[in-house]
Amino acid sequence: MKYYGRFILLILSLTYTLIYSIVGIVEIIPFTIFIIIHAGFSWFIGSWYDKFKYLSYHDPLTGVYNRRYAYIFFEKQFKRAKRKNERIGILNIDIDDFKVINDSYGHNYGDFILQELCNLIMRNIRKEDILVRWGGDEFIVLLYNMDCTSAQILMNQINESIKAELNNCQESNKPDMTLSIGHSIYPEDGQTISKLLSIADKRMYRIKSKTKEVSSS
């Protein structure tokens, strides 16, 4: 998402002053000072508008999109997929035993894990896909025009990257991080965004349950 508030206000400001200079009688020096002040003020206000808009759509800790933006973007992509007969893939990603990590090593370390995970996921997905912090240690990835096979390949790729890039760099006294990832594909798994999110969530928890069974046995 790009933010153009400062440019729009600056253009409107300069357009207004240009029109005023054409239709009105002005003195050059005072009018030049007025233009500079007006343009600077417009740029300042536009910059604050862009900043607040950015913060309203992004998670402050990780810098990825938040749930508010996700619903807006999902709806647009869903309409586009219906219109063009394309697929949409959704990944539901959850960190295993994240509460234990927070409780054992502190919230600063937990925040570090969340940030590093986002960086790693962003390196594995395409530019047209988006990563969303859905809440806590749960993330959603919306995959543009991706089928089930490609989604599963990506899931494996993310898990392998966790092992190779993140866990290998961990301090020896820190536990390896593992993920539970569920997926869903439009239109095969559902015809609405809520249905797709629900299926991806259920598959994620199914994988998490299997992981706990294996670790406890």
N, C-alpha and C. Protein backbone atom coordinates (compact mmCIF):
# COMPACT_ATOMS: atom_id res chain seq x y z
N MET A 1 0.84 -1.19 0.00
CA MET A 1 0.00 0.00 0.00
C MET A 1 0.87 1.24 0.00
N LYS A 2 0.59 2.19 -0.89
CA LYS A 2 1.36 3.42 -0.98
C LYS A 2 0.53 4.58 -0.43
N TYR A 3 1.23 5.58 0.10
CA TYR A 3 0.57 6.71 0.75
C TYR A 3 0.97 8.00 0.05
N TYR A 4 -0.03 8.72 -0.44
CA TYR A 4 0.22 9.91 -1.24
C TYR A 4 -0.40 11.17 -0.65
N GLY A 5 -0.77 11.14 0.62
CA GLY A 5 -1.44 12.28 1.23
C GLY A 5 -0.65 13.56 1.13
N ARG A 6 0.65 13.48 1.39
CA ARG A 6 1.48 14.69 1.36
C ARG A 6 1.57 15.27 -0.04
N PHE A 7 1.64 14.39 -1.05
CA PHE A 7 1.74 14.86 -2.43
C PHE A 7 0.42 15.47 -2.91
N ILE A 8 -0.68 14.84 -2.51
CA ILE A 8 -1.99 15.35 -2.93
C ILE A 8 -2.24 16.74 -2.33
N LEU A 9 -1.96 16.89 -1.03
CA LEU A 9 -2.17 18.19 -0.40
C LEU A 9 -1.23 19.24 -0.97
N LEU A 10 -0.01 18.84 -1.28
CA LEU A 10 0.94 19.80 -1.87
C LEU A 10 0.47 20.26 -3.24
N ILE A 11 0.00 19.33 -4.05
CA ILE A 11 -0.49 19.67 -5.39
C ILE A 11 -1.71 20.58 -5.30
N LEU A 12 -2.63 20.26 -4.37
CA LEU A 12 -3.82 21.10 -4.19
C LEU A 12 -3.42 22.50 -3.74
N SER A 13 -2.43 22.57 -2.85
CA SER A 13 -1.96 23.86 -2.36
C SER A 13 -1.37 24.70 -3.49
N LEU A 14 -0.51 24.09 -4.29
CA LEU A 14 0.13 24.82 -5.38
C LEU A 14 -0.88 25.20 -6.46
N THR A 15 -1.84 24.32 -6.70
CA THR A 15 -2.89 24.62 -7.68
C THR A 15 -3.72 25.82 -7.23
N TYR A 16 -4.08 25.83 -5.95
CA TYR A 16 -4.86 26.93 -5.39
C TYR A 16 -4.10 28.25 -5.52
N THR A 17 -2.84 28.25 -5.13
CA THR A 17 -2.06 29.49 -5.18
C THR A 17 -1.83 29.95 -6.62
N LEU A 18 -1.68 28.99 -7.54
CA LEU A 18 -1.49 29.34 -8.94
C LEU A 18 -2.74 30.03 -9.50
N ILE A 19 -3.90 29.45 -9.19
CA ILE A 19 -5.16 30.03 -9.66
C ILE A 19 -5.36 31.43 -9.06
N TYR A 20 -5.05 31.55 -7.78
CA TYR A 20 -5.21 32.84 -7.11
C TYR A 20 -4.29 33.90 -7.73
N SER A 21 -3.08 33.47 -8.10
CA SER A 21 -2.14 34.43 -8.70
C SER A 21 -2.59 34.89 -10.07
N ILE A 22 -3.34 34.03 -10.77
CA ILE A 22 -3.81 34.37 -12.12
C ILE A 22 -5.00 35.32 -12.05
N VAL A 23 -5.94 35.04 -11.14
CA VAL A 23 -7.17 35.84 -11.10
C VAL A 23 -7.06 37.05 -10.18
N GLY A 24 -6.09 37.05 -9.27
CA GLY A 24 -5.97 38.15 -8.32
C GLY A 24 -4.80 39.05 -8.63
N ILE A 25 -4.78 40.18 -7.94
CA ILE A 25 -3.66 41.11 -8.04
C ILE A 25 -2.77 40.86 -6.83
N VAL A 26 -1.54 40.45 -7.08
CA VAL A 26 -0.65 40.06 -5.98
C VAL A 26 0.69 40.77 -6.12
N GLU A 27 1.34 40.93 -4.97
CA GLU A 27 2.71 41.41 -4.95
C GLU A 27 3.64 40.21 -4.86
N ILE A 28 4.70 40.23 -5.66
CA ILE A 28 5.53 39.05 -5.85
C ILE A 28 6.15 38.55 -4.54
N ILE A 29 6.82 39.41 -3.79
CA ILE A 29 7.55 38.94 -2.60
C ILE A 29 6.63 38.39 -1.54
N PRO A 30 5.59 39.15 -1.10
CA PRO A 30 4.67 38.57 -0.10
C PRO A 30 3.99 37.30 -0.58
N PHE A 31 3.64 37.30 -1.87
CA PHE A 31 2.95 36.12 -2.41
C PHE A 31 3.88 34.91 -2.45
N THR A 32 5.15 35.13 -2.77
CA THR A 32 6.12 34.02 -2.78
C THR A 32 6.28 33.44 -1.38
N ILE A 33 6.35 34.33 -0.37
CA ILE A 33 6.44 33.86 1.02
C ILE A 33 5.20 33.06 1.39
N PHE A 34 4.04 33.54 0.96
CA PHE A 34 2.78 32.85 1.24
C PHE A 34 2.78 31.45 0.60
N ILE A 35 3.27 31.35 -0.63
CA ILE A 35 3.32 30.05 -1.32
C ILE A 35 4.19 29.06 -0.54
N ILE A 36 5.36 29.53 -0.11
CA ILE A 36 6.29 28.64 0.60
C ILE A 36 5.67 28.15 1.91
N ILE A 37 5.09 29.08 2.67
CA ILE A 37 4.48 28.70 3.94
C ILE A 37 3.30 27.76 3.73
N HIS A 38 2.46 28.08 2.76
CA HIS A 38 1.28 27.26 2.47
C HIS A 38 1.68 25.86 2.02
N ALA A 39 2.69 25.80 1.14
CA ALA A 39 3.14 24.50 0.63
C ALA A 39 3.76 23.68 1.76
N GLY A 40 4.57 24.31 2.62
CA GLY A 40 5.20 23.61 3.73
C GLY A 40 4.18 23.07 4.71
N PHE A 41 3.16 23.88 5.00
CA PHE A 41 2.11 23.45 5.91
C PHE A 41 1.33 22.28 5.32
N SER A 42 1.04 22.34 4.02
CA SER A 42 0.32 21.25 3.35
C SER A 42 1.12 19.96 3.39
N TRP A 43 2.44 20.08 3.15
CA TRP A 43 3.32 18.89 3.20
C TRP A 43 3.35 18.29 4.60
N PHE A 44 3.40 19.14 5.62
CA PHE A 44 3.43 18.70 7.01
C PHE A 44 2.15 17.96 7.39
N ILE A 45 1.01 18.56 7.06
CA ILE A 45 -0.28 17.92 7.37
C ILE A 45 -0.43 16.61 6.60
N GLY A 46 -0.03 16.62 5.32
CA GLY A 46 -0.11 15.40 4.52
C GLY A 46 0.77 14.29 5.06
N SER A 47 1.95 14.66 5.59
CA SER A 47 2.85 13.67 6.18
C SER A 47 2.23 13.02 7.40
N TRP A 48 1.57 13.80 8.24
CA TRP A 48 0.90 13.24 9.40
C TRP A 48 -0.26 12.34 9.00
N TYR A 49 -0.96 12.73 7.96
CA TYR A 49 -2.06 11.90 7.45
C TYR A 49 -1.53 10.54 6.99
N ASP A 50 -0.42 10.57 6.23
CA ASP A 50 0.18 9.32 5.76
C ASP A 50 0.64 8.46 6.93
N LYS A 51 1.21 9.10 7.96
CA LYS A 51 1.71 8.36 9.11
C LYS A 51 0.57 7.67 9.85
N PHE A 52 -0.50 8.39 10.10
CA PHE A 52 -1.64 7.80 10.82
C PHE A 52 -2.32 6.70 10.00
N LYS A 53 -2.36 6.90 8.70
CA LYS A 53 -2.95 5.87 7.85
C LYS A 53 -2.10 4.61 7.86
N TYR A 54 -0.79 4.79 7.82
CA TYR A 54 0.12 3.65 7.89
C TYR A 54 -0.07 2.88 9.20
N LEU A 55 -0.10 3.63 10.31
CA LEU A 55 -0.23 3.00 11.62
C LEU A 55 -1.58 2.29 11.79
N SER A 56 -2.61 2.78 11.12
CA SER A 56 -3.92 2.17 11.24
C SER A 56 -4.01 0.84 10.50
N TYR A 57 -3.08 0.59 9.58
CA TYR A 57 -3.12 -0.64 8.77
C TYR A 57 -1.95 -1.58 9.05
N HIS A 58 -1.05 -1.23 9.96
CA HIS A 58 0.13 -2.06 10.21
C HIS A 58 0.26 -2.40 11.69
N ASP A 59 0.85 -3.56 11.95
CA ASP A 59 1.16 -3.97 13.30
C ASP A 59 2.41 -3.22 13.76
N PRO A 60 2.36 -2.54 14.91
CA PRO A 60 3.49 -1.71 15.33
C PRO A 60 4.75 -2.49 15.68
N LEU A 61 4.62 -3.75 16.10
CA LEU A 61 5.79 -4.53 16.49
C LEU A 61 6.54 -5.09 15.29
N THR A 62 5.80 -5.74 14.39
CA THR A 62 6.43 -6.45 13.28
C THR A 62 6.47 -5.66 11.98
N GLY A 63 5.61 -4.66 11.86
CA GLY A 63 5.57 -3.86 10.64
C GLY A 63 4.74 -4.48 9.52
N VAL A 64 4.19 -5.68 9.73
CA VAL A 64 3.36 -6.30 8.70
C VAL A 64 1.93 -5.78 8.84
N TYR A 65 1.07 -6.13 7.91
CA TYR A 65 -0.31 -5.64 7.94
C TYR A 65 -1.06 -6.19 9.15
N ASN A 66 -2.07 -5.46 9.59
CA ASN A 66 -2.90 -5.92 10.70
C ASN A 66 -4.25 -6.43 10.18
N ARG A 67 -5.07 -6.89 11.11
CA ARG A 67 -6.35 -7.50 10.73
C ARG A 67 -7.29 -6.50 10.05
N ARG A 68 -7.24 -5.25 10.47
CA ARG A 68 -8.10 -4.22 9.88
C ARG A 68 -7.85 -4.11 8.37
N TYR A 69 -6.58 -4.05 8.00
CA TYR A 69 -6.27 -3.96 6.58
C TYR A 69 -6.59 -5.27 5.86
N ALA A 70 -6.39 -6.38 6.55
CA ALA A 70 -6.61 -7.69 5.93
C ALA A 70 -8.02 -7.83 5.41
N TYR A 71 -9.02 -7.42 6.20
CA TYR A 71 -10.40 -7.56 5.76
C TYR A 71 -10.68 -6.72 4.51
N ILE A 72 -10.09 -5.54 4.45
CA ILE A 72 -10.26 -4.69 3.26
C ILE A 72 -9.62 -5.34 2.04
N PHE A 73 -8.38 -5.81 2.22
CA PHE A 73 -7.63 -6.40 1.11
C PHE A 73 -8.25 -7.73 0.68
N PHE A 74 -8.62 -8.56 1.64
CA PHE A 74 -9.21 -9.86 1.33
C PHE A 74 -10.47 -9.70 0.47
N GLU A 75 -11.29 -8.73 0.83
CA GLU A 75 -12.54 -8.53 0.10
C GLU A 75 -12.27 -8.14 -1.35
N LYS A 76 -11.29 -7.26 -1.55
CA LYS A 76 -10.94 -6.84 -2.92
C LYS A 76 -10.41 -8.02 -3.73
N GLN A 77 -9.50 -8.79 -3.12
CA GLN A 77 -8.92 -9.93 -3.83
C GLN A 77 -9.94 -11.02 -4.10
N PHE A 78 -10.88 -11.17 -3.17
CA PHE A 78 -11.90 -12.19 -3.35
C PHE A 78 -12.82 -11.84 -4.53
N LYS A 79 -13.19 -10.57 -4.62
CA LYS A 79 -14.02 -10.13 -5.75
C LYS A 79 -13.27 -10.29 -7.07
N ARG A 80 -11.98 -9.98 -7.04
CA ARG A 80 -11.15 -10.11 -8.24
C ARG A 80 -11.05 -11.57 -8.66
N ALA A 81 -10.85 -12.47 -7.68
CA ALA A 81 -10.73 -13.89 -7.99
C ALA A 81 -12.02 -14.43 -8.60
N LYS A 82 -13.16 -13.99 -8.07
CA LYS A 82 -14.44 -14.42 -8.64
C LYS A 82 -14.60 -13.92 -10.06
N ARG A 83 -14.24 -12.65 -10.28
CA ARG A 83 -14.41 -12.04 -11.59
C ARG A 83 -13.50 -12.67 -12.64
N LYS A 84 -12.28 -13.00 -12.26
CA LYS A 84 -11.29 -13.51 -13.21
C LYS A 84 -11.12 -15.03 -13.15
N ASN A 85 -11.94 -15.67 -12.32
CA ASN A 85 -11.89 -17.12 -12.17
C ASN A 85 -10.49 -17.58 -11.74
N GLU A 86 -9.96 -16.92 -10.72
CA GLU A 86 -8.64 -17.24 -10.19
C GLU A 86 -8.76 -17.89 -8.82
N ARG A 87 -7.66 -18.43 -8.34
CA ARG A 87 -7.63 -19.05 -7.02
C ARG A 87 -7.08 -18.07 -5.99
N ILE A 88 -7.43 -18.32 -4.74
CA ILE A 88 -6.85 -17.61 -3.60
C ILE A 88 -6.40 -18.65 -2.59
N GLY A 89 -5.18 -18.53 -2.12
CA GLY A 89 -4.68 -19.42 -1.08
C GLY A 89 -4.55 -18.67 0.24
N ILE A 90 -4.84 -19.35 1.33
CA ILE A 90 -4.69 -18.76 2.65
C ILE A 90 -3.87 -19.70 3.53
N LEU A 91 -2.86 -19.16 4.18
CA LEU A 91 -2.09 -19.91 5.17
C LEU A 91 -2.38 -19.33 6.55
N ASN A 92 -2.64 -20.20 7.49
CA ASN A 92 -2.79 -19.81 8.89
C ASN A 92 -1.56 -20.34 9.64
N ILE A 93 -0.72 -19.44 10.13
CA ILE A 93 0.56 -19.81 10.73
C ILE A 93 0.54 -19.48 12.22
N ASP A 94 0.88 -20.46 13.03
CA ASP A 94 0.89 -20.27 14.48
C ASP A 94 2.18 -20.85 15.06
N ILE A 95 2.81 -20.10 15.97
CA ILE A 95 4.03 -20.58 16.61
C ILE A 95 3.67 -21.57 17.71
N ASP A 96 4.29 -22.73 17.70
CA ASP A 96 4.02 -23.75 18.71
C ASP A 96 4.59 -23.32 20.06
N ASP A 97 3.77 -23.45 21.10
CA ASP A 97 4.19 -23.19 22.49
C ASP A 97 4.79 -21.80 22.67
N PHE A 98 4.19 -20.81 22.03
CA PHE A 98 4.73 -19.46 22.13
C PHE A 98 4.60 -18.91 23.56
N LYS A 99 3.55 -19.28 24.24
CA LYS A 99 3.37 -18.81 25.62
C LYS A 99 4.51 -19.31 26.51
N VAL A 100 4.93 -20.53 26.26
CA VAL A 100 6.05 -21.10 27.03
C VAL A 100 7.32 -20.31 26.76
N ILE A 101 7.52 -19.93 25.48
CA ILE A 101 8.70 -19.14 25.12
C ILE A 101 8.67 -17.80 25.84
N ASN A 102 7.51 -17.14 25.84
CA ASN A 102 7.38 -15.86 26.52
C ASN A 102 7.62 -15.99 28.02
N ASP A 103 6.99 -16.99 28.61
CA ASP A 103 7.10 -17.17 30.06
C ASP A 103 8.51 -17.56 30.49
N SER A 104 9.20 -18.34 29.65
CA SER A 104 10.52 -18.86 30.03
C SER A 104 11.65 -17.87 29.75
N TYR A 105 11.53 -17.12 28.66
CA TYR A 105 12.66 -16.28 28.24
C TYR A 105 12.33 -14.79 28.18
N GLY A 106 11.10 -14.42 28.49
CA GLY A 106 10.73 -13.01 28.55
C GLY A 106 10.09 -12.51 27.28
N HIS A 107 9.36 -11.41 27.42
CA HIS A 107 8.62 -10.86 26.28
C HIS A 107 9.53 -10.22 25.24
N ASN A 108 10.69 -9.74 25.66
CA ASN A 108 11.62 -9.18 24.67
C ASN A 108 12.08 -10.23 23.69
N TYR A 109 12.37 -11.42 24.23
CA TYR A 109 12.76 -12.52 23.35
C TYR A 109 11.58 -12.97 22.49
N GLY A 110 10.38 -12.98 23.08
CA GLY A 110 9.19 -13.32 22.31
C GLY A 110 8.96 -12.35 21.17
N ASP A 111 9.16 -11.06 21.43
CA ASP A 111 9.02 -10.04 20.39
C ASP A 111 10.06 -10.26 19.28
N PHE A 112 11.27 -10.61 19.69
CA PHE A 112 12.33 -10.90 18.71
C PHE A 112 11.94 -12.05 17.80
N ILE A 113 11.36 -13.10 18.39
CA ILE A 113 10.92 -14.26 17.61
C ILE A 113 9.85 -13.85 16.59
N LEU A 114 8.89 -13.04 17.02
CA LEU A 114 7.82 -12.59 16.12
C LEU A 114 8.38 -11.78 14.97
N GLN A 115 9.32 -10.88 15.24
CA GLN A 115 9.92 -10.06 14.21
C GLN A 115 10.72 -10.89 13.22
N GLU A 116 11.52 -11.81 13.75
CA GLU A 116 12.34 -12.65 12.89
C GLU A 116 11.48 -13.58 12.03
N LEU A 117 10.41 -14.08 12.61
CA LEU A 117 9.51 -14.94 11.84
C LEU A 117 8.90 -14.17 10.67
N CYS A 118 8.46 -12.94 10.93
CA CYS A 118 7.89 -12.12 9.84
C CYS A 118 8.90 -11.87 8.74
N ASN A 119 10.13 -11.56 9.14
CA ASN A 119 11.19 -11.33 8.14
C ASN A 119 11.41 -12.59 7.29
N LEU A 120 11.40 -13.72 7.96
CA LEU A 120 11.62 -14.98 7.24
C LEU A 120 10.46 -15.29 6.29
N ILE A 121 9.23 -15.12 6.75
CA ILE A 121 8.08 -15.38 5.88
C ILE A 121 8.08 -14.45 4.68
N MET A 122 8.39 -13.17 4.91
CA MET A 122 8.41 -12.20 3.82
C MET A 122 9.44 -12.57 2.76
N ARG A 123 10.53 -13.20 3.17
CA ARG A 123 11.55 -13.62 2.19
C ARG A 123 11.09 -14.81 1.37
N ASN A 124 10.09 -15.54 1.86
CA ASN A 124 9.63 -16.75 1.18
C ASN A 124 8.39 -16.55 0.31
N ILE A 125 7.64 -15.48 0.56
CA ILE A 125 6.43 -15.26 -0.24
C ILE A 125 6.72 -14.27 -1.35
N ARG A 126 5.79 -14.15 -2.29
CA ARG A 126 5.96 -13.26 -3.43
C ARG A 126 5.51 -11.84 -3.09
N LYS A 127 5.86 -10.90 -3.95
CA LYS A 127 5.50 -9.50 -3.72
C LYS A 127 4.00 -9.29 -3.72
N GLU A 128 3.28 -10.08 -4.50
CA GLU A 128 1.84 -9.90 -4.60
C GLU A 128 1.08 -10.55 -3.43
N ASP A 129 1.76 -11.37 -2.63
CA ASP A 129 1.15 -11.97 -1.44
C ASP A 129 1.29 -11.01 -0.26
N ILE A 130 0.41 -11.11 0.72
CA ILE A 130 0.55 -10.25 1.90
C ILE A 130 0.56 -11.07 3.18
N LEU A 131 1.33 -10.58 4.14
CA LEU A 131 1.43 -11.21 5.45
C LEU A 131 0.71 -10.33 6.47
N VAL A 132 -0.09 -10.97 7.31
CA VAL A 132 -0.92 -10.25 8.29
C VAL A 132 -0.68 -10.83 9.68
N ARG A 133 -0.44 -9.96 10.64
CA ARG A 133 -0.45 -10.43 12.02
C ARG A 133 -1.90 -10.46 12.47
N TRP A 134 -2.42 -11.67 12.61
CA TRP A 134 -3.84 -11.85 12.90
C TRP A 134 -4.14 -11.61 14.37
N GLY A 135 -3.16 -11.90 15.20
CA GLY A 135 -3.32 -11.69 16.64
C GLY A 135 -2.33 -12.53 17.41
N GLY A 136 -1.63 -11.94 18.39
CA GLY A 136 -0.69 -12.70 19.19
C GLY A 136 0.42 -13.29 18.34
N ASP A 137 0.49 -14.63 18.37
CA ASP A 137 1.51 -15.33 17.58
C ASP A 137 0.90 -16.01 16.35
N GLU A 138 -0.24 -15.53 15.93
CA GLU A 138 -0.93 -16.11 14.77
C GLU A 138 -0.84 -15.16 13.57
N PHE A 139 -0.49 -15.72 12.42
CA PHE A 139 -0.32 -14.92 11.21
C PHE A 139 -1.11 -15.54 10.06
N ILE A 140 -1.58 -14.68 9.18
CA ILE A 140 -2.30 -15.11 7.98
C ILE A 140 -1.52 -14.63 6.76
N VAL A 141 -1.38 -15.51 5.78
CA VAL A 141 -0.79 -15.12 4.50
C VAL A 141 -1.84 -15.31 3.42
N LEU A 142 -2.10 -14.25 2.67
CA LEU A 142 -3.01 -14.35 1.54
C LEU A 142 -2.18 -14.52 0.28
N LEU A 143 -2.42 -15.64 -0.41
CA LEU A 143 -1.62 -16.01 -1.58
C LEU A 143 -2.42 -15.79 -2.85
N TYR A 144 -1.91 -14.95 -3.70
CA TYR A 144 -2.62 -14.61 -4.93
C TYR A 144 -2.49 -15.73 -5.96
N ASN A 145 -3.65 -16.21 -6.43
CA ASN A 145 -3.71 -17.18 -7.53
C ASN A 145 -2.78 -18.38 -7.30
N MET A 146 -2.95 -19.06 -6.16
CA MET A 146 -2.10 -20.21 -5.83
C MET A 146 -2.96 -21.43 -5.56
N ASP A 147 -2.56 -22.58 -6.12
CA ASP A 147 -3.32 -23.81 -5.93
C ASP A 147 -2.81 -24.57 -4.70
N CYS A 148 -3.44 -25.69 -4.42
CA CYS A 148 -3.15 -26.45 -3.21
C CYS A 148 -1.72 -26.97 -3.19
N THR A 149 -1.27 -27.51 -4.31
CA THR A 149 0.08 -28.06 -4.39
C THR A 149 1.13 -26.99 -4.12
N SER A 150 0.97 -25.83 -4.74
CA SER A 150 1.92 -24.73 -4.55
C SER A 150 1.89 -24.22 -3.12
N ALA A 151 0.70 -24.19 -2.52
CA ALA A 151 0.57 -23.74 -1.13
C ALA A 151 1.30 -24.70 -0.19
N GLN A 152 1.18 -26.00 -0.43
CA GLN A 152 1.85 -26.98 0.42
C GLN A 152 3.37 -26.91 0.26
N ILE A 153 3.82 -26.63 -0.96
CA ILE A 153 5.26 -26.45 -1.19
C ILE A 153 5.77 -25.25 -0.40
N LEU A 154 4.99 -24.17 -0.42
CA LEU A 154 5.38 -22.98 0.32
C LEU A 154 5.41 -23.25 1.83
N MET A 155 4.44 -24.00 2.32
CA MET A 155 4.41 -24.34 3.74
C MET A 155 5.68 -25.10 4.14
N ASN A 156 6.06 -26.07 3.33
CA ASN A 156 7.29 -26.83 3.60
C ASN A 156 8.52 -25.93 3.53
N GLN A 157 8.49 -25.01 2.58
CA GLN A 157 9.61 -24.09 2.39
C GLN A 157 9.79 -23.19 3.62
N ILE A 158 8.68 -22.71 4.16
CA ILE A 158 8.74 -21.86 5.36
C ILE A 158 9.27 -22.67 6.55
N ASN A 159 8.78 -23.88 6.70
CA ASN A 159 9.26 -24.73 7.81
C ASN A 159 10.74 -25.04 7.69
N GLU A 160 11.19 -25.32 6.47
CA GLU A 160 12.62 -25.60 6.26
C GLU A 160 13.46 -24.36 6.51
N SER A 161 12.93 -23.20 6.15
CA SER A 161 13.66 -21.95 6.39
C SER A 161 13.80 -21.67 7.88
N ILE A 162 12.77 -22.04 8.65
CA ILE A 162 12.83 -21.88 10.10
C ILE A 162 14.01 -22.68 10.66
N LYS A 163 14.14 -23.91 10.20
CA LYS A 163 15.23 -24.76 10.68
C LYS A 163 16.59 -24.24 10.25
N ALA A 164 16.70 -23.84 8.99
CA ALA A 164 18.00 -23.46 8.43
C ALA A 164 18.44 -22.06 8.83
N GLU A 165 17.49 -21.11 8.86
CA GLU A 165 17.87 -19.71 9.04
C GLU A 165 17.68 -19.20 10.46
N LEU A 166 16.69 -19.71 11.16
CA LEU A 166 16.39 -19.17 12.49
C LEU A 166 16.90 -20.05 13.61
N ASN A 167 16.55 -21.32 13.57
CA ASN A 167 16.94 -22.20 14.68
C ASN A 167 18.45 -22.42 14.75
N ASN A 168 19.11 -22.42 13.59
CA ASN A 168 20.57 -22.59 13.58
C ASN A 168 21.30 -21.40 14.18
N CYS A 169 20.63 -20.25 14.19
CA CYS A 169 21.25 -19.03 14.72
C CYS A 169 20.90 -18.79 16.18
N GLN A 170 20.07 -19.65 16.75
CA GLN A 170 19.64 -19.49 18.13
C GLN A 170 20.78 -19.81 19.09
N GLU A 171 20.72 -19.20 20.26
CA GLU A 171 21.65 -19.57 21.33
C GLU A 171 21.37 -21.00 21.76
N SER A 172 22.38 -21.67 22.24
CA SER A 172 22.25 -23.09 22.55
C SER A 172 21.23 -23.37 23.65
N ASN A 173 21.00 -22.38 24.53
CA ASN A 173 20.05 -22.60 25.62
C ASN A 173 18.62 -22.29 25.25
N LYS A 174 18.38 -21.83 24.00
CA LYS A 174 17.04 -21.50 23.54
C LYS A 174 16.46 -22.68 22.75
N PRO A 175 15.16 -22.96 22.91
CA PRO A 175 14.55 -24.08 22.19
C PRO A 175 14.34 -23.75 20.71
N ASP A 176 14.33 -24.79 19.88
CA ASP A 176 14.02 -24.60 18.46
C ASP A 176 12.57 -24.17 18.31
N MET A 177 12.33 -23.27 17.37
CA MET A 177 10.96 -22.83 17.11
C MET A 177 10.34 -23.70 16.03
N THR A 178 9.10 -24.09 16.24
CA THR A 178 8.35 -24.85 15.23
C THR A 178 7.02 -24.14 14.98
N LEU A 179 6.48 -24.39 13.80
CA LEU A 179 5.23 -23.76 13.39
C LEU A 179 4.18 -24.81 13.10
N SER A 180 2.94 -24.44 13.30
CA SER A 180 1.81 -25.22 12.79
C SER A 180 1.15 -24.37 11.71
N ILE A 181 1.02 -24.93 10.52
CA ILE A 181 0.50 -24.16 9.39
C ILE A 181 -0.67 -24.90 8.74
N GLY A 182 -1.81 -24.24 8.66
CA GLY A 182 -2.96 -24.78 7.94
C GLY A 182 -3.22 -23.96 6.70
N HIS A 183 -3.89 -24.55 5.73
CA HIS A 183 -4.14 -23.83 4.48
C HIS A 183 -5.56 -24.06 3.98
N SER A 184 -5.99 -23.19 3.11
CA SER A 184 -7.26 -23.37 2.40
C SER A 184 -7.14 -22.68 1.05
N ILE A 185 -7.93 -23.17 0.09
CA ILE A 185 -7.86 -22.67 -1.28
C ILE A 185 -9.26 -22.34 -1.79
N TYR A 186 -9.41 -21.16 -2.35
CA TYR A 186 -10.65 -20.80 -3.06
C TYR A 186 -10.49 -21.19 -4.52
N PRO A 187 -11.50 -21.81 -5.14
CA PRO A 187 -12.85 -22.08 -4.63
C PRO A 187 -13.05 -23.48 -4.05
N GLU A 188 -11.99 -24.32 -4.07
CA GLU A 188 -12.17 -25.71 -3.66
C GLU A 188 -12.66 -25.87 -2.22
N ASP A 189 -12.10 -25.07 -1.30
CA ASP A 189 -12.40 -25.25 0.12
C ASP A 189 -13.51 -24.35 0.63
N GLY A 190 -13.90 -23.37 -0.12
CA GLY A 190 -14.95 -22.48 0.36
C GLY A 190 -15.21 -21.35 -0.61
N GLN A 191 -16.39 -20.74 -0.49
CA GLN A 191 -16.81 -19.68 -1.40
C GLN A 191 -16.81 -18.30 -0.74
N THR A 192 -16.44 -18.27 0.55
CA THR A 192 -16.39 -16.99 1.25
C THR A 192 -15.07 -16.89 2.01
N ILE A 193 -14.67 -15.66 2.31
CA ILE A 193 -13.45 -15.44 3.06
C ILE A 193 -13.54 -16.06 4.46
N SER A 194 -14.68 -15.89 5.12
CA SER A 194 -14.83 -16.44 6.47
C SER A 194 -14.70 -17.96 6.47
N LYS A 195 -15.25 -18.61 5.45
CA LYS A 195 -15.16 -20.07 5.34
C LYS A 195 -13.71 -20.51 5.12
N LEU A 196 -13.01 -19.81 4.26
CA LEU A 196 -11.61 -20.14 3.98
C LEU A 196 -10.74 -19.95 5.22
N LEU A 197 -10.97 -18.86 5.95
CA LEU A 197 -10.22 -18.62 7.18
C LEU A 197 -10.51 -19.70 8.22
N SER A 198 -11.77 -20.12 8.30
CA SER A 198 -12.16 -21.14 9.26
C SER A 198 -11.49 -22.48 8.94
N ILE A 199 -11.47 -22.86 7.68
CA ILE A 199 -10.87 -24.13 7.28
C ILE A 199 -9.37 -24.12 7.52
N ALA A 200 -8.71 -23.03 7.15
CA ALA A 200 -7.26 -22.91 7.38
C ALA A 200 -6.95 -23.00 8.87
N ASP A 201 -7.80 -22.39 9.69
CA ASP A 201 -7.62 -22.40 11.13
C ASP A 201 -7.78 -23.81 11.69
N LYS A 202 -8.79 -24.54 11.23
CA LYS A 202 -9.03 -25.91 11.70
C LYS A 202 -7.87 -26.83 11.29
N ARG A 203 -7.37 -26.66 10.07
CA ARG A 203 -6.25 -27.49 9.63
C ARG A 203 -4.98 -27.17 10.42
N MET A 204 -4.81 -25.92 10.76
CA MET A 204 -3.66 -25.53 11.57
C MET A 204 -3.71 -26.20 12.93
N TYR A 205 -4.88 -26.17 13.58
CA TYR A 205 -5.01 -26.78 14.91
C TYR A 205 -4.90 -28.31 14.84
N ARG A 206 -5.30 -28.87 13.72
CA ARG A 206 -5.16 -30.32 13.56
C ARG A 206 -3.67 -30.70 13.53
N ILE A 207 -2.90 -29.90 12.81
CA ILE A 207 -1.45 -30.14 12.75
C ILE A 207 -0.81 -29.90 14.10
N LYS A 208 -1.26 -28.87 14.82
CA LYS A 208 -0.72 -28.57 16.14
C LYS A 208 -0.99 -29.72 17.11
N SER A 209 -2.17 -30.30 17.02
CA SER A 209 -2.52 -31.45 17.89
C SER A 209 -1.64 -32.64 17.61
N LYS A 210 -1.39 -32.89 16.32
CA LYS A 210 -0.51 -34.03 15.96
C LYS A 210 0.90 -33.80 16.46
N THR A 211 1.36 -32.55 16.36
CA THR A 211 2.71 -32.23 16.85
C THR A 211 2.84 -32.47 18.33
N LYS A 212 1.81 -32.10 19.11
CA LYS A 212 1.82 -32.31 20.55
C LYS A 212 1.79 -33.79 20.89
N GLU A 213 1.04 -34.57 20.12
CA GLU A 213 0.97 -36.01 20.35
C GLU A 213 2.34 -36.67 20.14
N VAL A 214 3.03 -36.22 19.07
CA VAL A 214 4.35 -36.79 18.77
C VAL A 214 5.36 -36.41 19.84
N SER A 215 5.33 -35.13 20.27
CA SER A 215 6.30 -34.67 21.27
C SER A 215 6.06 -35.29 22.64
N SER A 216 4.82 -35.64 22.94
CA SER A 216 4.51 -36.22 24.25
C SER A 216 4.72 -37.72 24.30
N SER A 217 4.80 -38.34 23.13
CA SER A 217 4.96 -39.82 23.10
C SER A 217 6.44 -40.24 23.19
